[in-house]
Amino acid sequence: MTLRLPSLLFLTFFSTLGALWAQIPQVPSEMEFADLIVRINPQAKREIQLDVDALYRNPTYFKLKNDRVNLFMPIVERELRKQGAPDDLKYLVIQESGLIADAVSTSNAVGFWQFKQGTAEEVGLRVDGQIDERKNIVTSTQGAAKYLKKHQAVLDNWMTALVSYQMGLGGAKSYFGNQYSGKKVIEVDRNSHWYFKKYLAHKVAYEGQISVFASNQRLAEVQIQGPATFSTLAKRFGVSEDHLKEYNKWAVNGKVPAGSHTLFYIAAGSLPVEPAIVTTPEKKNSNTSTSSSSSAASSVYKQADSYPRISGNTTQAGKPNQIKVNDLDGVQASTATTQSQFADRVGLREKKLRKLNDLEPGARIETGKYYYTEKKKAKADVETHIVQPGETLWSISQKYGIRLASLKSKNRIRSDRELKAGMVLQLQEPRKRGEEIQIVPVKNPSSAPRTVIAQNNTPAPAQASPPPIKEEKTSSNPSYHVVNQGETLFAISRKYGITVEQLKSWNNIGSNNLISIGQKLVIFQP
């Protein structure tokens, strides 16, 4: 039978996408940054590579984040170029906020480039009751470029100038002295500043991904004259009011104040590099209700992409008092272990650790998972969460730092048996008595692109045999398997009639194929 062209293109696209995810970029021994040559010794390479691997750990979430990168990056590149700042600084905005307009750090830094209010005002950004330009991709990029150029003029080195973004000019001068002034070759080792090594990880991770499989959607920029409401502007540009609010969070009160301002919205096809000036209303044949629902769905998926929010010294995430998880003290498990051993490692009593993380007695501490060392919150920072295949009430509560009992109470759900993929769970306000839980379509994880690493650490193609389980024949309600002594991923996959790669994808198992006795694995059977 002859394969139709559209089907062939579809298969080619996903085959190429699979190959893309299969190859995690490797940290080189030498790379360029701004006007510098950066040489990285083997120990620092391993350390930076761990951060690169972490960024790629969930291919689906990485792609969602990369979609944001491709949406905003043309504007970031343009504004850096206008300010005469190095193009390489564009990776810093990914590191700082993940290109989330209203991101807020533990130190109350806000926006795309994470400015505190005082610093924002120093570089000419408007922050008041009507406008917060830290949430405007154009003006915040201009401010970041001015800030970094000012520090570079004093420090005479782009590496130290970049680190000064985290510790301030005074802190950088005190930390580095004059040892790097005018220097054009930088040696990176275990003693190099963690912030610069984290930056290098983001540069390595995203350098080859910008514009890869970017959609034909572009961020339109139009110059408008306020005051104006989003309701009126939505009709003018053929999008929903919620859509305009999503992409114009710089307008603090949900409306554009008096004066000339740049409005942003998503449009298909190529757009001018410079903002267009709109003086008369324009009408487009768009379905407003569809746009609204699409915007709402994308907003929820963005939440899944950006949580848990990790800040602090991520290179020491396995040690206590180094990182924040959703603005709470937390720690990452570097190895699978028992609650007792992990509690000793992080300086807590076992009972306290169990209570803070809603752990059942005997539950294993799993590699790579984040655990809290202070009490979780009664509600999350976002309103809703769409249940993904394989998730449990516990994993969702850990994801957002919300207490398990609170999550159950808000949604009137008692156990994982009641969870279904696509359920929209309440994370702030309780579900009203008698109110149905909304269910929206979600993709089964078996259809998501996967990272496949061969035993010799070279990229390997996706398995051709046995064939993958078709999504429509895979149950959306998971069962579970507890790992017994001597069991391997291959043995478990054969037992349930699935592939090893499906099992790894469903349970976020890395290329080392590491599982531990007592570990609870999610299984989606045909």
Protein backbone atom coordinates (compact mmCIF):
# COMPACT_ATOMS: atom_id res chain seq x y z
CA MET A 1 0.00 0.00 0.00
CA THR A 2 1.33 3.43 -0.92
CA LEU A 3 1.87 5.84 1.96
CA ARG A 4 0.18 9.19 1.42
CA LEU A 5 2.41 12.26 1.42
CA PRO A 6 0.89 13.96 4.51
CA SER A 7 1.38 10.77 6.52
CA LEU A 8 4.94 10.49 5.28
CA LEU A 9 5.67 14.08 6.30
CA PHE A 10 4.07 13.45 9.70
CA LEU A 11 6.24 10.39 10.31
CA THR A 12 9.36 12.17 9.06
CA PHE A 13 8.73 15.10 11.43
CA PHE A 14 8.35 12.92 14.50
CA SER A 15 11.25 10.69 13.48
CA THR A 16 13.45 13.77 13.24
CA LEU A 17 12.06 15.13 16.52
CA GLY A 18 12.82 11.82 18.21
CA ALA A 19 16.38 11.94 16.96
CA LEU A 20 16.68 15.51 18.22
CA TRP A 21 15.66 14.54 21.76
CA ALA A 22 17.87 11.47 21.64
CA GLN A 23 20.98 13.63 21.50
CA ILE A 24 21.54 15.74 24.58
CA PRO A 25 24.19 18.38 23.78
CA GLN A 26 27.55 17.63 25.33
CA VAL A 27 29.61 20.29 27.08
CA PRO A 28 32.76 21.02 25.03
CA SER A 29 36.23 21.55 26.44
CA GLU A 30 36.34 24.98 24.85
CA MET A 31 33.63 27.42 23.80
CA GLU A 32 33.12 31.10 23.03
CA PHE A 33 31.18 33.53 25.17
CA ALA A 34 30.85 37.18 24.11
CA ASP A 35 34.45 38.16 23.24
CA LEU A 36 36.00 35.46 25.45
CA ILE A 37 37.41 31.98 24.96
CA VAL A 38 36.17 29.70 27.76
CA ARG A 39 38.19 26.57 28.53
CA ILE A 40 36.50 24.02 30.76
CA ASN A 41 38.40 21.33 32.67
CA PRO A 42 37.00 17.76 32.95
CA GLN A 43 35.59 18.16 36.47
CA ALA A 44 33.74 21.37 35.57
CA LYS A 45 32.52 19.73 32.34
CA ARG A 46 30.90 16.95 34.34
CA GLU A 47 29.31 19.46 36.70
CA ILE A 48 27.91 21.59 33.85
CA GLN A 49 26.77 18.49 31.96
CA LEU A 50 24.61 17.48 34.93
CA ASP A 51 22.77 20.80 34.60
CA VAL A 52 22.39 20.31 30.83
CA ASP A 53 21.01 16.81 31.41
CA ALA A 54 18.57 18.19 33.99
CA LEU A 55 17.26 20.74 31.48
CA TYR A 56 16.60 17.91 29.02
CA ARG A 57 15.24 15.48 31.60
CA ASN A 58 11.63 15.81 30.47
CA PRO A 59 11.58 16.23 26.66
CA THR A 60 7.93 17.32 26.60
CA TYR A 61 8.48 20.13 29.11
CA PHE A 62 11.74 21.11 27.39
CA LYS A 63 9.87 21.55 24.13
CA LEU A 64 7.17 23.65 25.79
CA LYS A 65 9.87 25.87 27.26
CA ASN A 66 11.68 25.98 23.93
CA ASP A 67 8.46 27.16 22.28
CA ARG A 68 8.53 30.18 24.60
CA VAL A 69 12.18 30.72 23.76
CA ASN A 70 11.44 30.75 20.05
CA LEU A 71 8.52 33.11 20.58
CA PHE A 72 10.43 35.78 22.51
CA MET A 73 14.02 35.31 21.33
CA PRO A 74 13.80 37.35 18.08
CA ILE A 75 12.84 40.38 20.20
CA VAL A 76 15.56 39.70 22.78
CA GLU A 77 18.20 39.40 20.04
CA ARG A 78 17.00 42.60 18.38
CA GLU A 79 17.09 44.66 21.57
CA LEU A 80 20.52 43.34 22.63
CA ARG A 81 21.82 44.25 19.18
CA LYS A 82 20.35 47.77 19.43
CA GLN A 83 22.06 48.28 22.79
CA GLY A 84 25.41 46.99 21.50
CA ALA A 85 25.41 44.07 23.94
CA PRO A 86 26.76 40.58 23.06
CA ASP A 87 24.22 38.24 21.47
CA ASP A 88 25.28 35.50 23.93
CA LEU A 89 23.53 37.35 26.75
CA LYS A 90 20.23 36.07 25.35
CA TYR A 91 20.73 32.74 27.16
CA LEU A 92 20.75 34.58 30.49
CA VAL A 93 17.05 35.47 30.19
CA ILE A 94 16.25 31.74 29.87
CA GLN A 95 18.28 31.06 33.00
CA GLU A 96 16.68 33.88 34.95
CA SER A 97 12.98 33.36 34.26
CA GLY A 98 12.43 30.67 31.64
CA LEU A 99 10.86 33.59 29.71
CA ILE A 100 7.86 33.72 32.03
CA ALA A 101 6.70 37.34 32.15
CA ASP A 102 5.46 37.38 35.74
CA ALA A 103 8.09 35.10 37.29
CA VAL A 104 8.93 36.13 40.87
CA SER A 105 12.07 34.98 42.72
CA THR A 106 12.50 34.34 46.44
CA SER A 107 14.20 37.75 46.71
CA ASN A 108 11.20 39.44 45.06
CA ALA A 109 12.91 39.98 41.70
CA VAL A 110 10.26 40.14 38.98
CA GLY A 111 9.81 39.61 35.27
CA PHE A 112 11.69 38.30 32.27
CA TRP A 113 15.10 39.51 33.48
CA GLN A 114 14.32 39.30 37.23
CA PHE A 115 14.74 42.92 38.34
CA LYS A 116 14.11 44.17 41.84
CA GLN A 117 12.14 47.41 41.79
CA GLY A 118 15.05 49.66 42.77
CA THR A 119 17.37 48.20 40.13
CA ALA A 120 14.63 48.37 37.50
CA GLU A 121 14.14 52.07 38.16
CA GLU A 122 17.92 52.64 37.98
CA VAL A 123 17.97 51.36 34.38
CA GLY A 124 14.93 53.41 33.39
CA LEU A 125 12.10 50.89 33.73
CA ARG A 126 8.69 52.11 34.83
CA VAL A 127 7.30 50.26 37.85
CA ASP A 128 4.14 51.70 39.40
CA GLY A 129 0.45 51.00 39.96
CA GLN A 130 -0.30 51.09 36.21
CA ILE A 131 2.74 49.63 34.46
CA ASP A 132 5.49 47.16 35.37
CA GLU A 133 8.01 47.18 32.52
CA ARG A 134 9.90 44.28 34.09
CA LYS A 135 7.13 42.16 32.52
CA ASN A 136 7.63 43.73 29.08
CA ILE A 137 10.08 41.74 26.94
CA VAL A 138 11.26 44.82 25.01
CA THR A 139 11.85 47.28 27.84
CA SER A 140 13.19 44.68 30.30
CA THR A 141 15.74 43.47 27.72
CA GLN A 142 16.82 47.06 27.13
CA GLY A 143 17.24 47.49 30.89
CA ALA A 144 19.24 44.25 31.26
CA ALA A 145 21.56 45.23 28.41
CA LYS A 146 22.21 48.68 29.96
CA TYR A 147 22.83 47.11 33.38
CA LEU A 148 25.31 44.52 32.07
CA LYS A 149 27.14 47.00 29.82
CA LYS A 150 27.57 49.38 32.75
CA HIS A 151 29.15 46.62 34.84
CA GLN A 152 31.31 45.45 31.94
CA ALA A 153 32.71 48.98 31.60
CA VAL A 154 33.94 48.75 35.21
CA LEU A 155 34.99 45.08 35.36
CA ASP A 156 36.39 44.88 31.80
CA ASN A 157 35.38 41.24 31.44
CA TRP A 158 32.06 39.79 30.27
CA MET A 159 32.30 36.75 32.52
CA THR A 160 32.59 38.82 35.69
CA ALA A 161 29.97 41.24 34.35
CA LEU A 162 27.56 38.32 33.89
CA VAL A 163 28.19 37.08 37.45
CA SER A 164 27.60 40.65 38.68
CA TYR A 165 24.03 40.24 37.45
CA GLN A 166 23.55 37.83 40.35
CA MET A 167 25.69 39.46 43.06
CA GLY A 168 25.76 43.15 42.06
CA LEU A 169 28.71 45.26 40.93
CA GLY A 170 30.11 45.71 44.43
CA GLY A 171 29.86 41.99 45.13
CA ALA A 172 31.59 41.09 41.87
CA LYS A 173 34.42 43.59 42.47
CA SER A 174 34.94 42.19 45.96
CA TYR A 175 34.75 38.56 44.77
CA PHE A 176 36.92 38.77 41.65
CA GLY A 177 39.14 41.78 42.32
CA ASN A 178 41.10 42.66 39.16
CA GLN A 179 42.24 39.15 38.24
CA TYR A 180 40.03 38.95 35.12
CA SER A 181 40.17 42.58 33.95
CA GLY A 182 41.03 42.63 30.25
CA LYS A 183 41.50 38.86 30.17
CA LYS A 184 40.26 37.13 27.00
CA VAL A 185 40.74 33.49 27.99
CA ILE A 186 38.80 32.11 30.97
CA GLU A 187 39.66 28.81 32.66
CA VAL A 188 36.60 27.16 34.25
CA ASP A 189 37.16 24.61 37.02
CA ARG A 190 35.44 23.40 40.19
CA ASN A 191 36.19 26.72 41.92
CA SER A 192 34.60 28.87 39.21
CA HIS A 193 31.46 30.74 40.24
CA TRP A 194 28.33 28.54 40.12
CA TYR A 195 26.26 31.23 38.39
CA PHE A 196 28.57 31.33 35.37
CA LYS A 197 28.64 27.52 35.15
CA LYS A 198 24.85 27.48 35.28
CA TYR A 199 24.82 30.05 32.47
CA LEU A 200 27.14 27.86 30.36
CA ALA A 201 24.73 24.94 30.88
CA HIS A 202 21.86 27.04 29.46
CA LYS A 203 23.98 28.18 26.52
CA VAL A 204 24.95 24.58 25.70
CA ALA A 205 21.37 23.35 26.15
CA TYR A 206 19.65 25.99 23.99
CA GLU A 207 22.29 27.10 21.48
CA GLY A 208 21.28 24.45 18.98
CA GLN A 209 17.56 24.58 19.77
CA ILE A 210 16.61 28.16 18.94
CA SER A 211 14.47 28.10 15.78
CA VAL A 212 14.37 24.28 15.78
CA PHE A 213 10.82 23.18 14.86
CA ALA A 214 9.55 26.67 15.62
CA SER A 215 5.93 27.12 14.60
CA ASN A 216 4.75 29.84 12.24
CA GLN A 217 3.42 31.77 15.22
CA ARG A 218 5.14 35.06 15.96
CA LEU A 219 4.80 37.67 18.66
CA ALA A 220 3.18 40.67 17.02
CA GLU A 221 4.09 44.13 18.34
CA VAL A 222 1.77 47.05 17.65
CA GLN A 223 2.04 50.61 18.90
CA ILE A 224 -1.24 51.83 20.40
CA GLN A 225 -2.43 54.98 22.09
CA GLY A 226 -4.00 54.60 25.53
CA PRO A 227 -6.10 54.65 27.53
CA ALA A 228 -7.73 51.50 26.18
CA THR A 229 -9.33 48.38 27.62
CA PHE A 230 -8.28 44.88 26.64
CA SER A 231 -11.88 44.19 25.72
CA THR A 232 -11.79 46.88 23.02
CA LEU A 233 -8.31 45.93 21.83
CA ALA A 234 -9.23 42.23 21.65
CA LYS A 235 -11.98 43.02 19.15
CA ARG A 236 -9.62 45.21 17.15
CA PHE A 237 -6.96 42.53 16.75
CA GLY A 238 -9.21 39.47 16.56
CA VAL A 239 -7.98 37.74 19.69
CA SER A 240 -9.51 37.06 23.10
CA GLU A 241 -9.29 39.42 26.05
CA ASP A 242 -7.57 36.67 28.08
CA HIS A 243 -5.02 36.30 25.30
CA LEU A 244 -4.08 39.98 25.54
CA LYS A 245 -3.84 39.78 29.32
CA GLU A 246 -1.55 36.76 29.05
CA TYR A 247 0.94 38.51 26.76
CA ASN A 248 0.70 42.00 28.24
CA LYS A 249 1.24 41.47 31.95
CA TRP A 250 3.15 44.74 32.02
CA ALA A 251 -0.29 46.40 32.17
CA VAL A 252 -0.78 45.99 35.91
CA ASN A 253 -4.52 46.69 36.11
CA GLY A 254 -5.49 44.69 33.04
CA LYS A 255 -5.88 47.81 30.89
CA VAL A 256 -3.56 50.07 28.92
CA PRO A 257 -3.09 53.49 30.57
CA ALA A 258 -2.78 56.83 28.80
CA GLY A 259 0.16 57.32 26.46
CA SER A 260 1.88 55.37 23.69
CA HIS A 261 2.53 51.69 24.44
CA THR A 262 3.54 48.51 22.62
CA LEU A 263 0.91 45.76 22.68
CA PHE A 264 1.85 42.11 22.15
CA TYR A 265 -0.25 39.25 20.80
CA ILE A 266 0.29 35.97 18.96
CA ALA A 267 -0.21 35.99 15.20
CA ALA A 268 0.55 33.42 12.51
CA GLY A 269 3.10 33.94 9.75
CA SER A 270 6.01 36.34 9.36
CA LEU A 271 5.85 39.71 11.07
CA PRO A 272 7.88 42.90 10.82
CA VAL A 273 11.06 43.06 12.89
CA GLU A 274 9.96 46.44 14.25
CA PRO A 275 6.62 47.14 15.99
CA ALA A 276 3.84 48.20 13.65
CA ILE A 277 1.93 51.42 14.34
CA VAL A 278 -1.82 50.92 14.42
CA THR A 279 -4.02 54.00 14.30
CA THR A 280 -7.29 52.55 13.04
CA PRO A 281 -9.23 49.48 14.25
CA GLU A 282 -8.55 46.26 12.40
CA LYS A 283 -10.89 43.27 12.26
CA LYS A 284 -9.86 39.69 11.76
CA ASN A 285 -12.02 36.64 11.24
CA SER A 286 -10.96 34.83 14.39
CA ASN A 287 -13.12 32.85 16.74
CA THR A 288 -12.79 34.64 20.07
CA SER A 289 -14.13 31.82 22.20
CA THR A 290 -11.72 29.36 20.61
CA SER A 291 -8.82 31.72 21.22
CA SER A 292 -9.85 32.08 24.82
CA SER A 293 -10.00 28.38 25.50
CA SER A 294 -6.73 27.83 23.68
CA SER A 295 -5.10 30.56 25.75
CA ALA A 296 -6.43 29.07 28.96
CA ALA A 297 -5.14 25.62 28.04
CA SER A 298 -1.69 26.91 27.15
CA SER A 299 -1.58 28.83 30.42
CA VAL A 300 -2.18 25.64 32.39
CA TYR A 301 0.43 23.72 30.44
CA LYS A 302 2.89 26.54 31.12
CA GLN A 303 2.27 25.98 34.81
CA ALA A 304 3.19 22.31 34.43
CA ASP A 305 6.32 23.37 32.59
CA SER A 306 7.52 25.83 35.20
CA TYR A 307 6.86 23.82 38.39
CA PRO A 308 8.42 22.91 40.66
CA ARG A 309 10.23 26.25 40.63
CA ILE A 310 13.81 25.76 41.77
CA SER A 311 16.03 28.65 42.82
CA GLY A 312 19.28 29.08 44.70
CA ASN A 313 22.55 27.19 44.34
CA THR A 314 21.30 24.38 42.09
CA THR A 315 24.80 22.91 41.72
CA GLN A 316 24.53 21.92 45.40
CA ALA A 317 20.86 20.91 45.29
CA GLY A 318 21.59 17.67 47.15
CA LYS A 319 22.71 19.56 50.26
CA PRO A 320 20.42 21.29 52.79
CA ASN A 321 20.04 25.09 52.86
CA GLN A 322 21.12 25.49 49.22
CA ILE A 323 17.92 25.65 47.17
CA LYS A 324 14.31 26.73 47.35
CA VAL A 325 11.57 24.54 45.90
CA ASN A 326 8.49 26.66 45.14
CA ASP A 327 9.88 29.28 47.54
CA LEU A 328 10.20 26.67 50.30
CA ASP A 329 13.39 25.19 51.72
CA GLY A 330 14.08 21.93 49.95
CA VAL A 331 16.68 19.47 48.76
CA GLN A 332 17.09 17.11 45.80
CA ALA A 333 17.76 13.41 46.36
CA SER A 334 21.05 12.55 44.64
CA THR A 335 20.54 8.81 45.12
CA ALA A 336 17.71 6.46 45.95
CA THR A 337 17.69 5.65 49.67
CA THR A 338 15.51 5.11 52.73
CA GLN A 339 13.67 7.84 54.60
CA SER A 340 15.89 7.30 57.62
CA GLN A 341 19.14 7.71 55.72
CA PHE A 342 17.86 10.72 53.77
CA ALA A 343 16.56 12.40 56.93
CA ASP A 344 20.02 12.05 58.52
CA ARG A 345 21.60 13.50 55.40
CA VAL A 346 19.42 16.63 55.43
CA GLY A 347 19.43 17.11 59.21
CA LEU A 348 15.81 16.19 59.99
CA ARG A 349 14.11 13.57 62.11
CA GLU A 350 12.61 10.82 59.95
CA LYS A 351 9.11 11.48 61.29
CA LYS A 352 9.48 15.20 60.51
CA LEU A 353 10.68 14.49 56.95
CA ARG A 354 7.72 12.18 56.41
CA LYS A 355 5.24 14.76 57.68
CA LEU A 356 6.68 17.64 55.63
CA ASN A 357 6.50 15.59 52.43
CA ASP A 358 3.32 13.56 53.06
CA LEU A 359 5.34 10.35 52.77
CA GLU A 360 3.94 6.98 53.69
CA PRO A 361 6.02 4.84 56.07
CA GLY A 362 8.47 2.75 54.08
CA ALA A 363 8.17 4.80 50.86
CA ARG A 364 11.54 5.06 49.14
CA ILE A 365 13.37 8.34 48.50
CA GLU A 366 13.81 8.47 44.73
CA THR A 367 16.76 9.76 42.74
CA GLY A 368 16.32 13.25 41.30
CA LYS A 369 13.10 14.02 43.19
CA TYR A 370 12.75 17.19 45.26
CA TYR A 371 11.76 17.01 48.93
CA TYR A 372 10.74 19.81 51.28
CA THR A 373 12.49 20.65 54.53
CA GLU A 374 9.84 23.11 55.65
CA LYS A 375 6.05 22.92 55.81
CA LYS A 376 4.21 22.95 52.48
CA LYS A 377 1.50 25.51 51.73
CA ALA A 378 -2.28 25.27 52.04
CA LYS A 379 -2.63 26.40 48.41
CA ALA A 380 -0.39 26.68 45.35
CA ASP A 381 0.74 29.81 43.52
CA VAL A 382 -1.35 28.83 40.49
CA GLU A 383 -5.07 28.12 40.28
CA THR A 384 -5.31 24.80 38.47
CA HIS A 385 -3.40 21.75 37.27
CA ILE A 386 -4.25 19.35 34.45
CA VAL A 387 -3.57 15.77 35.53
CA GLN A 388 -1.05 14.06 33.26
CA PRO A 389 -0.89 10.28 32.72
CA GLY A 390 1.09 8.64 35.50
CA GLU A 391 0.68 11.43 38.03
CA THR A 392 -0.55 10.78 41.56
CA LEU A 393 -2.06 13.07 44.16
CA TRP A 394 1.26 12.93 46.01
CA SER A 395 3.37 13.83 42.95
CA ILE A 396 1.07 16.78 42.19
CA SER A 397 1.24 17.99 45.79
CA GLN A 398 5.05 17.86 45.64
CA LYS A 399 5.11 19.57 42.25
CA TYR A 400 3.41 22.71 43.59
CA GLY A 401 4.38 22.57 47.27
CA ILE A 402 0.77 22.14 48.42
CA ARG A 403 -0.10 19.86 51.33
CA LEU A 404 -1.56 16.55 50.21
CA ALA A 405 -4.56 16.81 52.57
CA SER A 406 -5.30 20.29 51.22
CA LEU A 407 -5.14 19.08 47.60
CA LYS A 408 -7.54 16.24 48.37
CA SER A 409 -9.91 18.52 50.27
CA LYS A 410 -10.06 21.21 47.57
CA ASN A 411 -11.00 18.63 44.94
CA ARG A 412 -13.05 16.23 47.07
CA ILE A 413 -10.81 13.35 46.00
CA ARG A 414 -9.73 10.72 48.48
CA SER A 415 -7.36 8.44 46.54
CA ASP A 416 -5.40 8.00 43.32
CA ARG A 417 -8.08 5.62 42.06
CA GLU A 418 -10.32 8.63 41.46
CA LEU A 419 -7.69 10.45 39.36
CA LYS A 420 -8.03 10.49 35.58
CA ALA A 421 -5.69 11.99 33.01
CA GLY A 422 -7.05 15.37 31.89
CA MET A 423 -8.78 16.26 35.16
CA VAL A 424 -8.50 19.96 35.99
CA LEU A 425 -7.67 20.08 39.69
CA GLN A 426 -8.17 23.12 41.90
CA LEU A 427 -5.00 24.31 43.65
CA GLN A 428 -6.33 27.45 45.37
CA GLU A 429 -10.10 27.55 45.77
CA PRO A 430 -12.08 24.42 46.75
CA ARG A 431 -14.37 22.80 44.22
CA LYS A 432 -17.99 23.56 44.96
CA ARG A 433 -20.14 20.76 46.30
CA GLY A 434 -21.80 18.90 43.44
CA GLU A 435 -19.60 20.61 40.82
CA GLU A 436 -18.22 18.22 38.18
CA ILE A 437 -14.45 18.09 37.70
CA GLN A 438 -13.63 19.30 34.21
CA ILE A 439 -11.68 16.87 32.01
CA VAL A 440 -9.70 18.08 28.99
CA PRO A 441 -7.80 16.05 26.36
CA VAL A 442 -4.15 15.25 27.14
CA LYS A 443 -1.55 13.29 25.24
CA ASN A 444 -0.54 9.87 26.45
CA PRO A 445 3.17 9.87 27.39
CA SER A 446 3.80 7.02 24.95
CA SER A 447 3.36 9.54 22.12
CA ALA A 448 5.85 12.04 23.52
CA PRO A 449 9.38 12.28 22.09
CA ARG A 450 11.91 10.44 24.21
CA THR A 451 15.57 10.72 25.06
CA VAL A 452 17.37 7.45 24.31
CA ILE A 453 21.05 7.09 25.27
CA ALA A 454 23.07 4.03 24.32
CA GLN A 455 25.23 2.18 26.85
CA ASN A 456 28.42 3.65 25.35
CA ASN A 457 27.03 7.18 25.87
CA THR A 458 26.60 7.80 22.14
CA PRO A 459 23.20 8.79 20.74
CA ALA A 460 21.03 5.82 19.79
CA PRO A 461 17.98 5.84 17.52
CA ALA A 462 14.57 5.12 18.94
CA GLN A 463 13.76 1.41 19.18
CA ALA A 464 12.18 -0.06 16.09
CA SER A 465 11.18 -3.34 17.71
CA PRO A 466 9.06 -4.18 19.56
CA PRO A 467 6.64 -1.65 18.07
CA PRO A 468 5.33 1.09 20.38
CA ILE A 469 1.95 0.62 21.96
CA LYS A 470 -0.66 2.67 20.17
CA GLU A 471 -1.98 5.53 22.24
CA GLU A 472 -5.63 4.74 21.74
CA LYS A 473 -5.12 1.21 23.10
CA THR A 474 -3.24 2.32 26.22
CA SER A 475 -5.19 2.82 29.43
CA SER A 476 -5.14 6.36 30.84
CA ASN A 477 -5.56 4.91 34.35
CA PRO A 478 -2.22 3.63 35.65
CA SER A 479 -1.38 0.54 37.61
CA TYR A 480 1.77 0.25 39.70
CA HIS A 481 4.69 -2.14 40.06
CA VAL A 482 6.95 -2.25 43.12
CA VAL A 483 10.52 -3.16 42.16
CA ASN A 484 11.75 -6.42 43.70
CA GLN A 485 15.34 -7.53 44.24
CA GLY A 486 17.06 -8.57 40.99
CA GLU A 487 14.47 -7.02 38.68
CA THR A 488 15.57 -4.98 35.65
CA LEU A 489 13.70 -2.53 33.42
CA PHE A 490 13.78 -5.12 30.64
CA ALA A 491 12.24 -7.81 32.84
CA ILE A 492 9.51 -5.48 34.09
CA SER A 493 8.70 -4.29 30.55
CA ARG A 494 8.36 -7.90 29.34
CA LYS A 495 6.06 -8.69 32.26
CA TYR A 496 3.58 -5.97 31.24
CA GLY A 497 3.99 -6.14 27.46
CA ILE A 498 5.47 -2.67 27.09
CA THR A 499 8.80 -1.26 25.90
CA VAL A 500 11.69 -0.24 28.13
CA GLU A 501 11.56 3.27 26.72
CA GLN A 502 7.87 3.64 27.61
CA LEU A 503 8.63 2.50 31.15
CA LYS A 504 11.50 5.00 31.43
CA SER A 505 9.42 7.84 29.97
CA TRP A 506 6.45 7.25 32.30
CA ASN A 507 8.72 7.23 35.37
CA ASN A 508 11.32 9.88 34.39
CA ILE A 509 14.15 7.33 34.53
CA GLY A 510 17.42 8.66 33.15
CA SER A 511 19.94 7.17 30.75
CA ASN A 512 21.63 5.29 33.62
CA ASN A 513 18.53 3.00 33.86
CA LEU A 514 18.72 3.28 37.66
CA ILE A 515 15.88 1.75 39.69
CA SER A 516 15.88 0.70 43.33
CA ILE A 517 14.26 -2.02 45.41
CA GLY A 518 10.88 -0.84 46.67
CA GLN A 519 10.54 1.86 44.01
CA LYS A 520 6.95 2.31 42.81
CA LEU A 521 6.75 2.40 38.99
CA VAL A 522 3.77 3.70 37.00
CA ILE A 523 2.51 1.26 34.35
CA PHE A 524 0.07 1.98 31.49
CA GLN A 525 -1.04 -1.38 30.15
CA PRO A 526 -2.46 -1.95 26.64
